[in-house]
Amino acid sequence: MHYRNILVCPDLRSREAPRLLQRAATLLACGGQVTAVTVTVIETGTFDDAWVAKASPLEDEHWSRTAHLARLCAESGQPDAQGRVLVGDAATEIAS
């Protein structure tokens, strides 16, 4: 069986995350794309003055996770892997 795309949802705190990405890459023996996804859950509430206070931490979390995914992909020998940071419920976001 040949895979074209593999979605990997690594735990960014795990020391096993690079091995997970390496394993995904070995399954793509004939070429393909690895996509690494992480989901952050930040409750933003309603769009009012409180939103302004929460927007900056949300952006900081997004860019921090984006950088972490890029580093993780590079360290695992997959610098071309696509990294995506999603916001919301992990099960819902990963499935969609």
Protein backbone atom coordinates (compact mmCIF):
# COMPACT_ATOMS: atom_id res chain seq x y z
CA MET A 1 0.00 0.00 0.00
CA HIS A 2 1.32 3.43 -0.93
CA TYR A 3 0.39 6.53 1.03
CA ARG A 4 0.27 10.00 -0.47
CA ASN A 5 -0.57 12.05 2.60
CA ILE A 6 -0.10 11.30 6.27
CA LEU A 7 -1.54 13.46 9.04
CA VAL A 8 0.45 13.35 12.27
CA CYS A 9 -0.76 14.91 15.52
CA PRO A 10 2.32 14.93 17.74
CA ASP A 11 2.31 15.83 21.41
CA LEU A 12 4.70 18.77 21.32
CA ARG A 13 5.89 17.96 24.86
CA SER A 14 6.82 14.38 24.02
CA ARG A 15 10.36 13.28 23.30
CA GLU A 16 8.85 10.69 20.94
CA ALA A 17 7.37 13.32 18.59
CA PRO A 18 10.38 13.35 16.22
CA ARG A 19 10.22 9.55 15.91
CA LEU A 20 6.54 9.79 15.04
CA LEU A 21 7.33 12.17 12.17
CA GLN A 22 10.23 10.00 11.01
CA ARG A 23 7.96 6.94 10.97
CA ALA A 24 5.36 8.81 8.94
CA ALA A 25 8.05 9.76 6.43
CA THR A 26 9.18 6.15 6.04
CA LEU A 27 5.62 5.20 5.13
CA LEU A 28 5.86 7.66 2.24
CA ALA A 29 8.44 5.60 0.38
CA CYS A 30 7.15 6.77 -3.01
CA GLY A 31 6.92 10.43 -2.06
CA GLY A 32 4.07 12.33 -0.52
CA GLN A 33 3.27 14.89 2.10
CA VAL A 34 3.49 14.73 5.88
CA THR A 35 1.25 17.21 7.67
CA ALA A 36 1.91 17.82 11.36
CA VAL A 37 -1.06 19.26 13.23
CA THR A 38 -1.39 20.57 16.76
CA VAL A 39 -4.56 21.92 18.33
CA THR A 40 -4.72 24.52 21.06
CA VAL A 41 -7.80 25.10 23.13
CA ILE A 42 -8.21 28.71 24.18
CA GLU A 43 -11.62 29.94 25.17
CA THR A 44 -12.14 33.35 23.69
CA GLY A 45 -15.62 34.08 24.97
CA THR A 46 -17.57 36.81 23.25
CA PHE A 47 -16.22 39.53 21.00
CA ASP A 48 -16.10 42.40 23.46
CA ASP A 49 -13.39 44.21 25.41
CA ALA A 50 -12.32 40.88 26.89
CA TRP A 51 -11.53 39.65 23.36
CA VAL A 52 -8.89 42.34 22.95
CA ALA A 53 -7.19 41.14 26.13
CA LYS A 54 -7.26 37.52 24.94
CA ALA A 55 -6.25 38.09 21.32
CA SER A 56 -2.58 38.69 22.07
CA PRO A 57 -2.10 35.47 24.11
CA LEU A 58 -3.93 33.57 21.36
CA GLU A 59 -1.56 34.96 18.73
CA ASP A 60 1.45 34.27 20.94
CA GLU A 61 0.33 30.66 21.42
CA HIS A 62 -0.24 30.24 17.69
CA TRP A 63 3.21 31.53 16.72
CA SER A 64 4.90 29.58 19.52
CA ARG A 65 3.31 26.33 18.35
CA THR A 66 4.04 27.15 14.71
CA ALA A 67 7.73 27.63 15.51
CA HIS A 68 7.76 24.46 17.64
CA LEU A 69 6.24 22.41 14.80
CA ALA A 70 8.74 23.80 12.30
CA ARG A 71 11.63 22.94 14.63
CA LEU A 72 10.22 19.49 15.27
CA CYS A 73 9.84 18.78 11.54
CA ALA A 74 13.37 19.99 10.82
CA GLU A 75 14.87 17.95 13.67
CA SER A 76 13.11 14.82 12.47
CA GLY A 77 14.49 15.22 8.96
CA GLN A 78 11.19 16.43 7.52
CA PRO A 79 11.75 20.14 6.84
CA ASP A 80 9.18 20.05 4.02
CA ALA A 81 6.44 18.71 6.26
CA GLN A 82 3.48 21.00 6.44
CA GLY A 83 2.73 22.33 9.94
CA ARG A 84 -0.72 23.52 10.97
CA VAL A 85 -1.87 25.02 14.25
CA LEU A 86 -5.61 24.78 14.82
CA VAL A 87 -7.71 26.37 17.55
CA GLY A 88 -10.66 24.59 19.12
CA ASP A 89 -11.68 21.15 20.29
CA ALA A 90 -8.91 18.71 19.30
CA ALA A 91 -11.20 15.87 18.16
CA THR A 92 -13.37 18.18 16.07
CA GLU A 93 -10.50 20.11 14.51
CA ILE A 94 -8.44 17.04 13.62
CA ALA A 95 -11.42 15.26 12.07
CA SER A 96 -12.39 18.20 9.88
